[in-house]
Amino acid sequence: MMRNLMTLAVLLLPLLIGAQNLEVQGKAKITEMDKVNTADSVVVRLADGTLGVRDKSTLTHDINDPVNAQDATTKAYVDALITQLMNDFANSNETFTSPTTGTVTDSEGNGYNILKIGGEQAPASKSLDGGTSNVVIPTVGPQWWMVENLRATKYNDGTPIPLIIDSMPWAALSTPGHCWYNNDSLTNAGTYGALYNYYAVADTNSRNVCPSGWHVSTDSEWKGLENYLKDNGYGYGGNASFIAKSLASQMGWNYSVTAGTPGNDQVNNNSSGFTGFAGGCRNSGGSYADMNRFGYWWCPTELDFEAKWHVLVFSYASLITNYSGDKPRGFSIRCVRD
């Protein structure tokens, strides 16, 4: 038996040493079998249709401008292509700088940073009573949000929104009005934006305070944003409900000793990119309050004689809370893309 194996090896040795082409079933050929098979070598299809071994260093791949079949590319190239396509179909007042960021301009030329928050996902169904009666839980799928407060003093059709400075006229209003915190636009406009009464928000049925192609964030959109953040790990310390910190800006909040609130360890706020500042409010009587303590944003939702709004609380809670209140109050506005 040993003699037979040695005889077979002697007969095959010249073939193995001299082999340059190996014919396989299907008429494919693998050439240059004397090449060493290493991590620096790859099998390629040659011009004559055969397969060959080549050193990686001899192959040309254009990843910055892929045009040939063997070219690879990078995420940066794909993102740039997506961004270009987005700008091709954007509204005239929009410019996208990446697939998830950009700017939008209002009718007065004010520019706002915008951010896509959320991913494609179907609305979830949840039972509130443990039975068979389910409700649909809104989700983000995704949404483009302004990550700055609105500063517009006109509707997007050019109609002015009256500036109301004194307290008594503000308290008496039943029509649209806006103001700046402490009547100081020079200090507060750039960071905190304007404060608007509910009538300025509610007039969006006929006139829109947001840039063209955008609208005042709705209650459903706020809930969708909240649910997205809760479901995707933005809650502080593993608690899904503690998302206020992820929405709050990294500066401008009064200090808090309570971990997980926007006023504590502010440098680690804003993981969502929403950049919610504590812009305060104007009370229904016309006084200003809560700068650096609370951030308030309108929803265009009417509840009998009241209206709905959202608030971030910095000191005693890590939650986002929504309330209803007097229509003459002055709150901030965030816009969402149509």
C-alpha atoms as a PDB file:
ATOM      1  CA  MET A   1       0.000   0.000   0.000  1.00  0.00           C
ATOM      2  CA  MET A   2       2.811   2.435   0.960  1.00  0.00           C
ATOM      3  CA  ARG A   3       4.603   1.609  -2.328  1.00  0.00           C
ATOM      4  CA  ASN A   4       1.466   2.466  -4.337  1.00  0.00           C
ATOM      5  CA  LEU A   5       1.112   5.883  -2.620  1.00  0.00           C
ATOM      6  CA  MET A   6       4.754   6.738  -3.257  1.00  0.00           C
ATOM      7  CA  THR A   7       4.400   5.770  -6.926  1.00  0.00           C
ATOM      8  CA  LEU A   8       1.302   8.038  -7.260  1.00  0.00           C
ATOM      9  CA  ALA A   9       3.129  10.975  -5.666  1.00  0.00           C
ATOM     10  CA  VAL A  10       6.071  10.580  -8.063  1.00  0.00           C
ATOM     11  CA  LEU A  11       3.714  10.560 -11.051  1.00  0.00           C
ATOM     12  CA  LEU A  12       1.795  13.706  -9.922  1.00  0.00           C
ATOM     13  CA  LEU A  13       4.794  15.787  -8.808  1.00  0.00           C
ATOM     14  CA  PRO A  14       5.802  17.089 -12.271  1.00  0.00           C
ATOM     15  CA  LEU A  15       2.197  18.099 -12.958  1.00  0.00           C
ATOM     16  CA  LEU A  16       1.888  20.050  -9.712  1.00  0.00           C
ATOM     17  CA  ILE A  17       5.243  21.835 -10.216  1.00  0.00           C
ATOM     18  CA  GLY A  18       4.567  22.870 -13.779  1.00  0.00           C
ATOM     19  CA  ALA A  19       0.879  23.728 -13.502  1.00  0.00           C
ATOM     20  CA  GLN A  20       0.066  27.257 -14.690  1.00  0.00           C
ATOM     21  CA  ASN A  21      -3.567  26.665 -15.690  1.00  0.00           C
ATOM     22  CA  LEU A  22      -6.156  24.502 -13.966  1.00  0.00           C
ATOM     23  CA  GLU A  23      -9.146  23.469 -16.063  1.00  0.00           C
ATOM     24  CA  VAL A  24     -12.336  23.048 -14.003  1.00  0.00           C
ATOM     25  CA  GLN A  25     -15.878  22.027 -14.819  1.00  0.00           C
ATOM     26  CA  GLY A  26     -17.742  24.807 -16.583  1.00  0.00           C
ATOM     27  CA  LYS A  27     -14.668  25.792 -18.672  1.00  0.00           C
ATOM     28  CA  ALA A  28     -13.461  28.397 -16.088  1.00  0.00           C
ATOM     29  CA  LYS A  29      -9.725  28.728 -15.579  1.00  0.00           C
ATOM     30  CA  ILE A  30      -7.703  29.783 -12.571  1.00  0.00           C
ATOM     31  CA  THR A  31      -4.321  31.034 -13.762  1.00  0.00           C
ATOM     32  CA  GLU A  32      -1.006  31.714 -12.076  1.00  0.00           C
ATOM     33  CA  MET A  33      -1.353  29.032  -9.426  1.00  0.00           C
ATOM     34  CA  ASP A  34       2.224  29.667  -8.349  1.00  0.00           C
ATOM     35  CA  LYS A  35       0.973  32.830  -6.582  1.00  0.00           C
ATOM     36  CA  VAL A  36       1.045  32.636  -2.816  1.00  0.00           C
ATOM     37  CA  ASN A  37      -2.431  32.768  -1.258  1.00  0.00           C
ATOM     38  CA  THR A  38      -2.162  35.555   1.329  1.00  0.00           C
ATOM     39  CA  ALA A  39      -4.319  38.310   2.761  1.00  0.00           C
ATOM     40  CA  ASP A  40      -2.622  40.659   0.275  1.00  0.00           C
ATOM     41  CA  SER A  41      -3.787  38.691  -2.763  1.00  0.00           C
ATOM     42  CA  VAL A  42      -7.225  38.431  -4.269  1.00  0.00           C
ATOM     43  CA  VAL A  43      -8.890  36.406  -7.014  1.00  0.00           C
ATOM     44  CA  VAL A  44     -10.023  38.578  -9.937  1.00  0.00           C
ATOM     45  CA  ARG A  45     -11.625  37.979 -13.334  1.00  0.00           C
ATOM     46  CA  LEU A  46      -9.113  38.730 -16.081  1.00  0.00           C
ATOM     47  CA  ALA A  47      -9.775  40.295 -19.461  1.00  0.00           C
ATOM     48  CA  ASP A  48      -9.889  36.880 -21.175  1.00  0.00           C
ATOM     49  CA  GLY A  49     -12.612  35.708 -18.811  1.00  0.00           C
ATOM     50  CA  THR A  50     -10.403  33.547 -16.651  1.00  0.00           C
ATOM     51  CA  LEU A  51      -9.845  33.939 -12.937  1.00  0.00           C
ATOM     52  CA  GLY A  52      -6.457  35.070 -11.721  1.00  0.00           C
ATOM     53  CA  VAL A  53      -4.625  36.000  -8.533  1.00  0.00           C
ATOM     54  CA  ARG A  54      -3.460  39.586  -8.139  1.00  0.00           C
ATOM     55  CA  ASP A  55      -1.764  41.563  -5.389  1.00  0.00           C
ATOM     56  CA  LYS A  56      -4.135  44.077  -3.834  1.00  0.00           C
ATOM     57  CA  SER A  57      -1.546  46.803  -4.279  1.00  0.00           C
ATOM     58  CA  THR A  58      -1.781  46.471  -8.086  1.00  0.00           C
ATOM     59  CA  LEU A  59      -5.555  46.996  -8.210  1.00  0.00           C
ATOM     60  CA  THR A  60      -7.096  50.451  -8.703  1.00  0.00           C
ATOM     61  CA  HIS A  61     -10.317  51.263  -6.852  1.00  0.00           C
ATOM     62  CA  ASP A  62     -11.746  54.778  -6.970  1.00  0.00           C
ATOM     63  CA  ILE A  63     -13.775  55.336  -3.813  1.00  0.00           C
ATOM     64  CA  ASN A  64     -14.167  59.075  -4.287  1.00  0.00           C
ATOM     65  CA  ASP A  65     -15.726  58.913  -7.746  1.00  0.00           C
ATOM     66  CA  PRO A  66     -16.713  55.296  -8.459  1.00  0.00           C
ATOM     67  CA  VAL A  67     -17.270  54.730 -12.185  1.00  0.00           C
ATOM     68  CA  ASN A  68     -15.753  51.315 -12.884  1.00  0.00           C
ATOM     69  CA  ALA A  69     -17.198  47.922 -12.014  1.00  0.00           C
ATOM     70  CA  GLN A  70     -14.441  47.147  -9.502  1.00  0.00           C
ATOM     71  CA  ASP A  71     -14.748  50.482  -7.691  1.00  0.00           C
ATOM     72  CA  ALA A  72     -15.900  50.608  -4.105  1.00  0.00           C
ATOM     73  CA  THR A  73     -17.140  53.681  -2.278  1.00  0.00           C
ATOM     74  CA  THR A  74     -17.557  55.145   1.184  1.00  0.00           C
ATOM     75  CA  LYS A  75     -20.478  56.208   3.336  1.00  0.00           C
ATOM     76  CA  ALA A  76     -19.327  59.797   2.850  1.00  0.00           C
ATOM     77  CA  TYR A  77     -19.747  59.454  -0.919  1.00  0.00           C
ATOM     78  CA  VAL A  78     -23.222  57.938  -0.536  1.00  0.00           C
ATOM     79  CA  ASP A  79     -24.240  60.647   1.954  1.00  0.00           C
ATOM     80  CA  ALA A  80     -23.051  63.348  -0.439  1.00  0.00           C
ATOM     81  CA  LEU A  81     -25.081  61.804  -3.253  1.00  0.00           C
ATOM     82  CA  ILE A  82     -28.205  61.589  -1.076  1.00  0.00           C
ATOM     83  CA  THR A  83     -27.721  65.199   0.025  1.00  0.00           C
ATOM     84  CA  GLN A  84     -27.407  66.320  -3.588  1.00  0.00           C
ATOM     85  CA  LEU A  85     -30.662  64.557  -4.489  1.00  0.00           C
ATOM     86  CA  MET A  86     -32.403  66.070  -1.461  1.00  0.00           C
ATOM     87  CA  ASN A  87     -31.345  69.551  -2.538  1.00  0.00           C
ATOM     88  CA  ASP A  88     -32.563  68.866  -6.073  1.00  0.00           C
ATOM     89  CA  PHE A  89     -36.070  68.310  -4.684  1.00  0.00           C
ATOM     90  CA  ALA A  90     -35.954  70.732  -1.731  1.00  0.00           C
ATOM     91  CA  ASN A  91     -38.193  73.723  -1.249  1.00  0.00           C
ATOM     92  CA  SER A  92     -36.592  76.966  -2.406  1.00  0.00           C
ATOM     93  CA  ASN A  93     -36.068  78.079   1.212  1.00  0.00           C
ATOM     94  CA  GLU A  94     -34.262  74.861   2.245  1.00  0.00           C
ATOM     95  CA  THR A  95     -30.644  73.751   1.994  1.00  0.00           C
ATOM     96  CA  PHE A  96     -29.560  70.298   3.127  1.00  0.00           C
ATOM     97  CA  THR A  97     -25.975  69.821   4.307  1.00  0.00           C
ATOM     98  CA  SER A  98     -26.248  66.075   4.968  1.00  0.00           C
ATOM     99  CA  PRO A  99     -29.002  63.439   4.896  1.00  0.00           C
ATOM    100  CA  THR A 100     -29.977  64.502   8.443  1.00  0.00           C
ATOM    101  CA  THR A 101     -29.074  68.210   8.705  1.00  0.00           C
ATOM    102  CA  GLY A 102     -29.711  71.462   6.905  1.00  0.00           C
ATOM    103  CA  THR A 103     -31.181  74.949   7.139  1.00  0.00           C
ATOM    104  CA  VAL A 104     -34.492  76.610   6.342  1.00  0.00           C
ATOM    105  CA  THR A 105     -35.157  80.329   5.886  1.00  0.00           C
ATOM    106  CA  ASP A 106     -38.321  82.221   6.767  1.00  0.00           C
ATOM    107  CA  SER A 107     -39.910  85.026   4.736  1.00  0.00           C
ATOM    108  CA  GLU A 108     -37.799  87.631   6.566  1.00  0.00           C
ATOM    109  CA  GLY A 109     -34.496  85.925   5.794  1.00  0.00           C
ATOM    110  CA  ASN A 110     -33.965  84.393   9.238  1.00  0.00           C
ATOM    111  CA  GLY A 111     -32.118  81.107   8.915  1.00  0.00           C
ATOM    112  CA  TYR A 112     -32.755  78.103  11.180  1.00  0.00           C
ATOM    113  CA  ASN A 113     -30.837  74.874  11.636  1.00  0.00           C
ATOM    114  CA  ILE A 114     -32.935  71.779  11.015  1.00  0.00           C
ATOM    115  CA  LEU A 115     -32.471  68.128  11.973  1.00  0.00           C
ATOM    116  CA  LYS A 116     -34.072  64.857  10.960  1.00  0.00           C
ATOM    117  CA  ILE A 117     -35.029  62.974  14.103  1.00  0.00           C
ATOM    118  CA  GLY A 118     -36.323  59.423  14.118  1.00  0.00           C
ATOM    119  CA  GLY A 119     -36.272  56.477  11.768  1.00  0.00           C
ATOM    120  CA  GLU A 120     -38.692  54.607   9.589  1.00  0.00           C
ATOM    121  CA  GLN A 121     -40.994  52.629  11.867  1.00  0.00           C
ATOM    122  CA  ALA A 122     -44.646  51.675  11.975  1.00  0.00           C
ATOM    123  CA  PRO A 123     -46.908  53.081  14.694  1.00  0.00           C
ATOM    124  CA  ALA A 124     -47.166  50.727  17.651  1.00  0.00           C
ATOM    125  CA  SER A 125     -50.396  49.485  19.172  1.00  0.00           C
ATOM    126  CA  LYS A 126     -50.771  49.438  22.936  1.00  0.00           C
ATOM    127  CA  SER A 127     -53.523  48.418  25.332  1.00  0.00           C
ATOM    128  CA  LEU A 128     -54.254  50.994  28.003  1.00  0.00           C
ATOM    129  CA  ASP A 129     -56.608  48.839  30.055  1.00  0.00           C
ATOM    130  CA  GLY A 130     -55.001  45.403  29.683  1.00  0.00           C
ATOM    131  CA  GLY A 131     -57.863  44.283  27.479  1.00  0.00           C
ATOM    132  CA  THR A 132     -58.529  44.161  23.761  1.00  0.00           C
ATOM    133  CA  SER A 133     -59.061  47.889  23.282  1.00  0.00           C
ATOM    134  CA  ASN A 134     -55.850  49.226  21.757  1.00  0.00           C
ATOM    135  CA  VAL A 135     -54.722  52.724  20.865  1.00  0.00           C
ATOM    136  CA  VAL A 136     -52.122  53.728  18.282  1.00  0.00           C
ATOM    137  CA  ILE A 137     -48.980  55.199  19.826  1.00  0.00           C
ATOM    138  CA  PRO A 138     -47.556  57.918  17.523  1.00  0.00           C
ATOM    139  CA  THR A 139     -43.986  57.432  16.336  1.00  0.00           C
ATOM    140  CA  VAL A 140     -41.471  59.452  14.379  1.00  0.00           C
ATOM    141  CA  GLY A 141     -41.042  58.173  10.899  1.00  0.00           C
ATOM    142  CA  PRO A 142     -38.915  60.394  10.571  1.00  0.00           C
ATOM    143  CA  GLN A 143     -39.570  64.102  11.208  1.00  0.00           C
ATOM    144  CA  TRP A 144     -37.607  67.190  10.263  1.00  0.00           C
ATOM    145  CA  TRP A 145     -37.568  69.614  13.206  1.00  0.00           C
ATOM    146  CA  MET A 146     -36.210  73.096  13.599  1.00  0.00           C
ATOM    147  CA  VAL A 147     -33.549  72.948  16.285  1.00  0.00           C
ATOM    148  CA  GLU A 148     -33.966  76.644  17.024  1.00  0.00           C
ATOM    149  CA  ASN A 149     -36.949  78.630  18.265  1.00  0.00           C
ATOM    150  CA  LEU A 150     -38.848  80.649  15.704  1.00  0.00           C
ATOM    151  CA  ARG A 151     -37.910  84.345  15.366  1.00  0.00           C
ATOM    152  CA  ALA A 152     -40.428  85.383  12.714  1.00  0.00           C
ATOM    153  CA  THR A 153     -42.292  88.658  13.143  1.00  0.00           C
ATOM    154  CA  LYS A 154     -44.430  88.086  10.052  1.00  0.00           C
ATOM    155  CA  TYR A 155     -46.510  85.260   8.655  1.00  0.00           C
ATOM    156  CA  ASN A 156     -44.953  83.600   5.628  1.00  0.00           C
ATOM    157  CA  ASP A 157     -47.277  85.599   3.383  1.00  0.00           C
ATOM    158  CA  GLY A 158     -45.671  88.785   4.694  1.00  0.00           C
ATOM    159  CA  THR A 159     -48.488  89.820   7.060  1.00  0.00           C
ATOM    160  CA  PRO A 160     -46.984  91.358  10.227  1.00  0.00           C
ATOM    161  CA  ILE A 161     -47.608  89.764  13.628  1.00  0.00           C
ATOM    162  CA  PRO A 162     -48.095  92.738  15.965  1.00  0.00           C
ATOM    163  CA  LEU A 163     -45.346  93.375  18.503  1.00  0.00           C
ATOM    164  CA  ILE A 164     -46.936  93.917  21.910  1.00  0.00           C
ATOM    165  CA  ILE A 165     -44.651  95.514  24.476  1.00  0.00           C
ATOM    166  CA  ASP A 166     -46.848  96.693  27.352  1.00  0.00           C
ATOM    167  CA  SER A 167     -48.509  94.287  29.779  1.00  0.00           C
ATOM    168  CA  MET A 168     -52.089  95.566  29.667  1.00  0.00           C
ATOM    169  CA  PRO A 169     -52.489  95.380  25.865  1.00  0.00           C
ATOM    170  CA  TRP A 170     -50.934  91.900  25.927  1.00  0.00           C
ATOM    171  CA  ALA A 171     -53.396  90.703  28.578  1.00  0.00           C
ATOM    172  CA  ALA A 172     -56.326  92.079  26.599  1.00  0.00           C
ATOM    173  CA  LEU A 173     -55.386  90.449  23.292  1.00  0.00           C
ATOM    174  CA  SER A 174     -57.707  88.055  21.493  1.00  0.00           C
ATOM    175  CA  THR A 175     -55.778  88.421  18.236  1.00  0.00           C
ATOM    176  CA  PRO A 176     -52.231  87.418  17.190  1.00  0.00           C
ATOM    177  CA  GLY A 177     -49.258  88.979  18.951  1.00  0.00           C
ATOM    178  CA  HIS A 178     -45.586  88.370  19.598  1.00  0.00           C
ATOM    179  CA  CYS A 179     -42.901  89.760  21.904  1.00  0.00           C
ATOM    180  CA  TRP A 180     -39.330  89.221  23.085  1.00  0.00           C
ATOM    181  CA  TYR A 181     -38.522  88.136  26.622  1.00  0.00           C
ATOM    182  CA  ASN A 182     -38.249  91.251  28.811  1.00  0.00           C
ATOM    183  CA  ASN A 183     -38.854  93.270  25.615  1.00  0.00           C
ATOM    184  CA  ASP A 184     -35.164  92.749  24.795  1.00  0.00           C
ATOM    185  CA  SER A 185     -34.747  91.395  21.291  1.00  0.00           C
ATOM    186  CA  LEU A 186     -31.071  92.358  21.133  1.00  0.00           C
ATOM    187  CA  THR A 187     -30.194  89.993  23.988  1.00  0.00           C
ATOM    188  CA  ASN A 188     -32.763  87.243  23.558  1.00  0.00           C
ATOM    189  CA  ALA A 189     -33.827  86.920  19.923  1.00  0.00           C
ATOM    190  CA  GLY A 190     -30.840  84.972  18.622  1.00  0.00           C
ATOM    191  CA  THR A 191     -30.817  82.298  21.319  1.00  0.00           C
ATOM    192  CA  TYR A 192     -34.370  82.097  22.603  1.00  0.00           C
ATOM    193  CA  GLY A 193     -36.461  83.321  19.688  1.00  0.00           C
ATOM    194  CA  ALA A 194     -39.761  85.163  19.993  1.00  0.00           C
ATOM    195  CA  LEU A 195     -42.716  84.447  22.264  1.00  0.00           C
ATOM    196  CA  TYR A 196     -46.142  84.155  20.626  1.00  0.00           C
ATOM    197  CA  ASN A 197     -49.667  84.038  22.004  1.00  0.00           C
ATOM    198  CA  TYR A 198     -52.004  81.235  21.006  1.00  0.00           C
ATOM    199  CA  TYR A 199     -53.841  83.403  18.485  1.00  0.00           C
ATOM    200  CA  ALA A 200     -50.690  83.720  16.401  1.00  0.00           C
ATOM    201  CA  VAL A 201     -50.402  79.928  16.380  1.00  0.00           C
ATOM    202  CA  ALA A 202     -54.096  79.231  15.768  1.00  0.00           C
ATOM    203  CA  ASP A 203     -54.129  81.500  12.714  1.00  0.00           C
ATOM    204  CA  THR A 204     -52.176  78.867  10.806  1.00  0.00           C
ATOM    205  CA  ASN A 205     -55.393  77.670   9.139  1.00  0.00           C
ATOM    206  CA  SER A 206     -55.282  80.740   6.912  1.00  0.00           C
ATOM    207  CA  ARG A 207     -51.783  82.119   7.551  1.00  0.00           C
ATOM    208  CA  ASN A 208     -48.672  80.237   8.591  1.00  0.00           C
ATOM    209  CA  VAL A 209     -46.175  81.650  11.091  1.00  0.00           C
ATOM    210  CA  CYS A 210     -43.622  78.997  10.071  1.00  0.00           C
ATOM    211  CA  PRO A 211     -41.546  79.095   6.875  1.00  0.00           C
ATOM    212  CA  SER A 212     -43.225  77.908   3.688  1.00  0.00           C
ATOM    213  CA  GLY A 213     -43.384  74.113   3.653  1.00  0.00           C
ATOM    214  CA  TRP A 214     -43.273  73.954   7.453  1.00  0.00           C
ATOM    215  CA  HIS A 215     -45.889  74.132  10.230  1.00  0.00           C
ATOM    216  CA  VAL A 216     -46.173  74.585  13.990  1.00  0.00           C
ATOM    217  CA  SER A 217     -45.375  71.293  15.730  1.00  0.00           C
ATOM    218  CA  THR A 218     -48.542  69.417  16.629  1.00  0.00           C
ATOM    219  CA  ASP A 219     -49.442  67.440  19.722  1.00  0.00           C
ATOM    220  CA  SER A 220     -49.161  64.230  17.714  1.00  0.00           C
ATOM    221  CA  GLU A 221     -45.683  65.176  16.489  1.00  0.00           C
ATOM    222  CA  TRP A 222     -44.526  65.970  19.999  1.00  0.00           C
ATOM    223  CA  LYS A 223     -45.814  62.606  21.199  1.00  0.00           C
ATOM    224  CA  GLY A 224     -44.114  60.897  18.281  1.00  0.00           C
ATOM    225  CA  LEU A 225     -40.838  62.580  19.157  1.00  0.00           C
ATOM    226  CA  GLU A 226     -41.180  61.600  22.803  1.00  0.00           C
ATOM    227  CA  ASN A 227     -41.957  57.976  21.953  1.00  0.00           C
ATOM    228  CA  TYR A 228     -39.040  57.747  19.558  1.00  0.00           C
ATOM    229  CA  LEU A 229     -36.637  58.987  22.220  1.00  0.00           C
ATOM    230  CA  LYS A 230     -38.110  56.684  24.858  1.00  0.00           C
ATOM    231  CA  ASP A 231     -37.875  53.655  22.571  1.00  0.00           C
ATOM    232  CA  ASN A 232     -34.320  54.327  21.403  1.00  0.00           C
ATOM    233  CA  GLY A 233     -32.308  54.712  24.575  1.00  0.00           C
ATOM    234  CA  TYR A 234     -32.366  58.484  25.119  1.00  0.00           C
ATOM    235  CA  GLY A 235     -33.754  58.225  28.650  1.00  0.00           C
ATOM    236  CA  TYR A 236     -31.372  59.200  31.438  1.00  0.00           C
ATOM    237  CA  GLY A 237     -29.882  56.357  33.475  1.00  0.00           C
ATOM    238  CA  GLY A 238     -31.772  53.713  31.522  1.00  0.00           C
ATOM    239  CA  ASN A 239     -35.180  55.140  32.474  1.00  0.00           C
ATOM    240  CA  ALA A 240     -37.034  55.541  29.178  1.00  0.00           C
ATOM    241  CA  SER A 241     -39.239  58.334  30.497  1.00  0.00           C
ATOM    242  CA  PHE A 242     -36.358  60.594  31.571  1.00  0.00           C
ATOM    243  CA  ILE A 243     -35.835  62.264  28.195  1.00  0.00           C
ATOM    244  CA  ALA A 244     -35.892  65.954  29.158  1.00  0.00           C
ATOM    245  CA  LYS A 245     -32.104  66.024  29.363  1.00  0.00           C
ATOM    246  CA  SER A 246     -31.751  64.602  25.857  1.00  0.00           C
ATOM    247  CA  LEU A 247     -33.822  67.496  24.457  1.00  0.00           C
ATOM    248  CA  ALA A 248     -32.364  70.343  26.534  1.00  0.00           C
ATOM    249  CA  SER A 249     -29.605  72.661  25.330  1.00  0.00           C
ATOM    250  CA  GLN A 250     -26.124  72.358  26.824  1.00  0.00           C
ATOM    251  CA  MET A 251     -26.239  75.792  28.413  1.00  0.00           C
ATOM    252  CA  GLY A 252     -28.620  78.366  29.857  1.00  0.00           C
ATOM    253  CA  TRP A 253     -30.368  76.283  32.534  1.00  0.00           C
ATOM    254  CA  ASN A 254     -30.321  77.203  36.214  1.00  0.00           C
ATOM    255  CA  TYR A 255     -28.186  74.755  38.152  1.00  0.00           C
ATOM    256  CA  SER A 256     -29.883  71.723  39.657  1.00  0.00           C
ATOM    257  CA  VAL A 257     -28.467  69.164  42.105  1.00  0.00           C
ATOM    258  CA  THR A 258     -30.852  66.538  40.731  1.00  0.00           C
ATOM    259  CA  ALA A 259     -29.131  64.110  38.382  1.00  0.00           C
ATOM    260  CA  GLY A 260     -30.912  63.525  35.084  1.00  0.00           C
ATOM    261  CA  THR A 261     -32.422  67.005  34.824  1.00  0.00           C
ATOM    262  CA  PRO A 262     -31.393  69.641  32.256  1.00  0.00           C
ATOM    263  CA  GLY A 263     -29.879  71.825  34.998  1.00  0.00           C
ATOM    264  CA  ASN A 264     -27.466  69.129  36.147  1.00  0.00           C
ATOM    265  CA  ASP A 265     -24.290  68.303  34.211  1.00  0.00           C
ATOM    266  CA  GLN A 266     -25.452  70.460  31.297  1.00  0.00           C
ATOM    267  CA  VAL A 267     -22.533  69.552  29.050  1.00  0.00           C
ATOM    268  CA  ASN A 268     -24.140  66.119  28.647  1.00  0.00           C
ATOM    269  CA  ASN A 269     -27.524  67.495  27.599  1.00  0.00           C
ATOM    270  CA  ASN A 270     -28.928  67.415  24.075  1.00  0.00           C
ATOM    271  CA  SER A 271     -28.053  63.909  22.902  1.00  0.00           C
ATOM    272  CA  SER A 272     -31.005  64.145  20.503  1.00  0.00           C
ATOM    273  CA  GLY A 273     -29.784  67.391  18.912  1.00  0.00           C
ATOM    274  CA  PHE A 274     -33.115  69.149  19.593  1.00  0.00           C
ATOM    275  CA  THR A 275     -31.368  71.987  21.527  1.00  0.00           C
ATOM    276  CA  GLY A 276     -34.283  73.097  23.673  1.00  0.00           C
ATOM    277  CA  PHE A 277     -33.438  76.323  25.507  1.00  0.00           C
ATOM    278  CA  ALA A 278     -35.070  77.508  28.713  1.00  0.00           C
ATOM    279  CA  GLY A 279     -36.625  80.533  27.047  1.00  0.00           C
ATOM    280  CA  GLY A 280     -39.272  81.224  29.681  1.00  0.00           C
ATOM    281  CA  CYS A 281     -42.694  82.634  28.892  1.00  0.00           C
ATOM    282  CA  ARG A 282     -44.961  85.633  29.053  1.00  0.00           C
ATOM    283  CA  ASN A 283     -47.867  85.193  31.441  1.00  0.00           C
ATOM    284  CA  SER A 284     -51.427  86.022  30.478  1.00  0.00           C
ATOM    285  CA  GLY A 285     -51.207  89.199  32.553  1.00  0.00           C
ATOM    286  CA  GLY A 286     -48.238  90.408  30.528  1.00  0.00           C
ATOM    287  CA  SER A 287     -45.343  89.726  32.924  1.00  0.00           C
ATOM    288  CA  TYR A 288     -42.304  87.652  31.962  1.00  0.00           C
ATOM    289  CA  ALA A 289     -41.183  84.578  33.887  1.00  0.00           C
ATOM    290  CA  ASP A 290     -39.062  81.418  33.984  1.00  0.00           C
ATOM    291  CA  MET A 291     -36.103  82.371  31.783  1.00  0.00           C
ATOM    292  CA  ASN A 292     -33.374  79.753  32.428  1.00  0.00           C
ATOM    293  CA  ARG A 293     -35.890  77.577  34.312  1.00  0.00           C
ATOM    294  CA  PHE A 294     -38.431  76.319  31.782  1.00  0.00           C
ATOM    295  CA  GLY A 295     -38.784  75.863  28.052  1.00  0.00           C
ATOM    296  CA  TYR A 296     -42.340  76.190  26.706  1.00  0.00           C
ATOM    297  CA  TRP A 297     -43.540  75.372  23.193  1.00  0.00           C
ATOM    298  CA  TRP A 298     -46.978  75.744  21.657  1.00  0.00           C
ATOM    299  CA  CYS A 299     -49.093  73.063  20.034  1.00  0.00           C
ATOM    300  CA  PRO A 300     -51.940  74.332  17.817  1.00  0.00           C
ATOM    301  CA  THR A 301     -54.509  72.354  19.812  1.00  0.00           C
ATOM    302  CA  GLU A 302     -57.567  74.065  21.246  1.00  0.00           C
ATOM    303  CA  LEU A 303     -59.263  72.656  24.350  1.00  0.00           C
ATOM    304  CA  ASP A 304     -62.512  74.577  24.912  1.00  0.00           C
ATOM    305  CA  PHE A 305     -61.311  77.929  26.273  1.00  0.00           C
ATOM    306  CA  GLU A 306     -57.711  76.795  26.729  1.00  0.00           C
ATOM    307  CA  ALA A 307     -54.845  75.684  24.514  1.00  0.00           C
ATOM    308  CA  LYS A 308     -52.249  72.935  24.780  1.00  0.00           C
ATOM    309  CA  TRP A 309     -48.538  73.511  25.220  1.00  0.00           C
ATOM    310  CA  HIS A 310     -45.456  71.514  26.180  1.00  0.00           C
ATOM    311  CA  VAL A 311     -42.833  72.285  28.787  1.00  0.00           C
ATOM    312  CA  LEU A 312     -39.406  71.043  29.820  1.00  0.00           C
ATOM    313  CA  VAL A 313     -38.897  71.188  33.603  1.00  0.00           C
ATOM    314  CA  PHE A 314     -35.309  71.503  34.751  1.00  0.00           C
ATOM    315  CA  SER A 315     -35.291  71.242  38.526  1.00  0.00           C
ATOM    316  CA  TYR A 316     -37.652  68.657  39.936  1.00  0.00           C
ATOM    317  CA  ALA A 317     -38.359  66.316  37.019  1.00  0.00           C
ATOM    318  CA  SER A 318     -36.548  64.685  34.129  1.00  0.00           C
ATOM    319  CA  LEU A 319     -39.761  64.285  32.174  1.00  0.00           C
ATOM    320  CA  ILE A 320     -41.420  66.235  29.390  1.00  0.00           C
ATOM    321  CA  THR A 321     -44.822  67.390  30.550  1.00  0.00           C
ATOM    322  CA  ASN A 322     -47.690  68.842  28.540  1.00  0.00           C
ATOM    323  CA  TYR A 323     -50.296  71.171  29.916  1.00  0.00           C
ATOM    324  CA  SER A 324     -53.179  73.314  28.802  1.00  0.00           C
ATOM    325  CA  GLY A 325     -53.423  76.952  29.737  1.00  0.00           C
ATOM    326  CA  ASP A 326     -54.555  80.460  28.907  1.00  0.00           C
ATOM    327  CA  LYS A 327     -54.454  81.506  25.265  1.00  0.00           C
ATOM    328  CA  PRO A 328     -52.925  84.946  25.994  1.00  0.00           C
ATOM    329  CA  ARG A 329     -49.725  83.356  27.302  1.00  0.00           C
ATOM    330  CA  GLY A 330     -46.559  83.798  25.282  1.00  0.00           C
ATOM    331  CA  PHE A 331     -44.561  80.668  24.422  1.00  0.00           C
ATOM    332  CA  SER A 332     -41.895  79.599  21.929  1.00  0.00           C
ATOM    333  CA  ILE A 333     -42.595  77.825  18.636  1.00  0.00           C
ATOM    334  CA  ARG A 334     -40.821  74.930  16.953  1.00  0.00           C
ATOM    335  CA  CYS A 335     -41.682  74.165  13.339  1.00  0.00           C
ATOM    336  CA  VAL A 336     -41.813  70.777  11.614  1.00  0.00           C
ATOM    337  CA  ARG A 337     -41.473  70.086   7.894  1.00  0.00           C
ATOM    338  CA  ASP A 338     -44.725  69.302   6.064  1.00  0.00           C
END
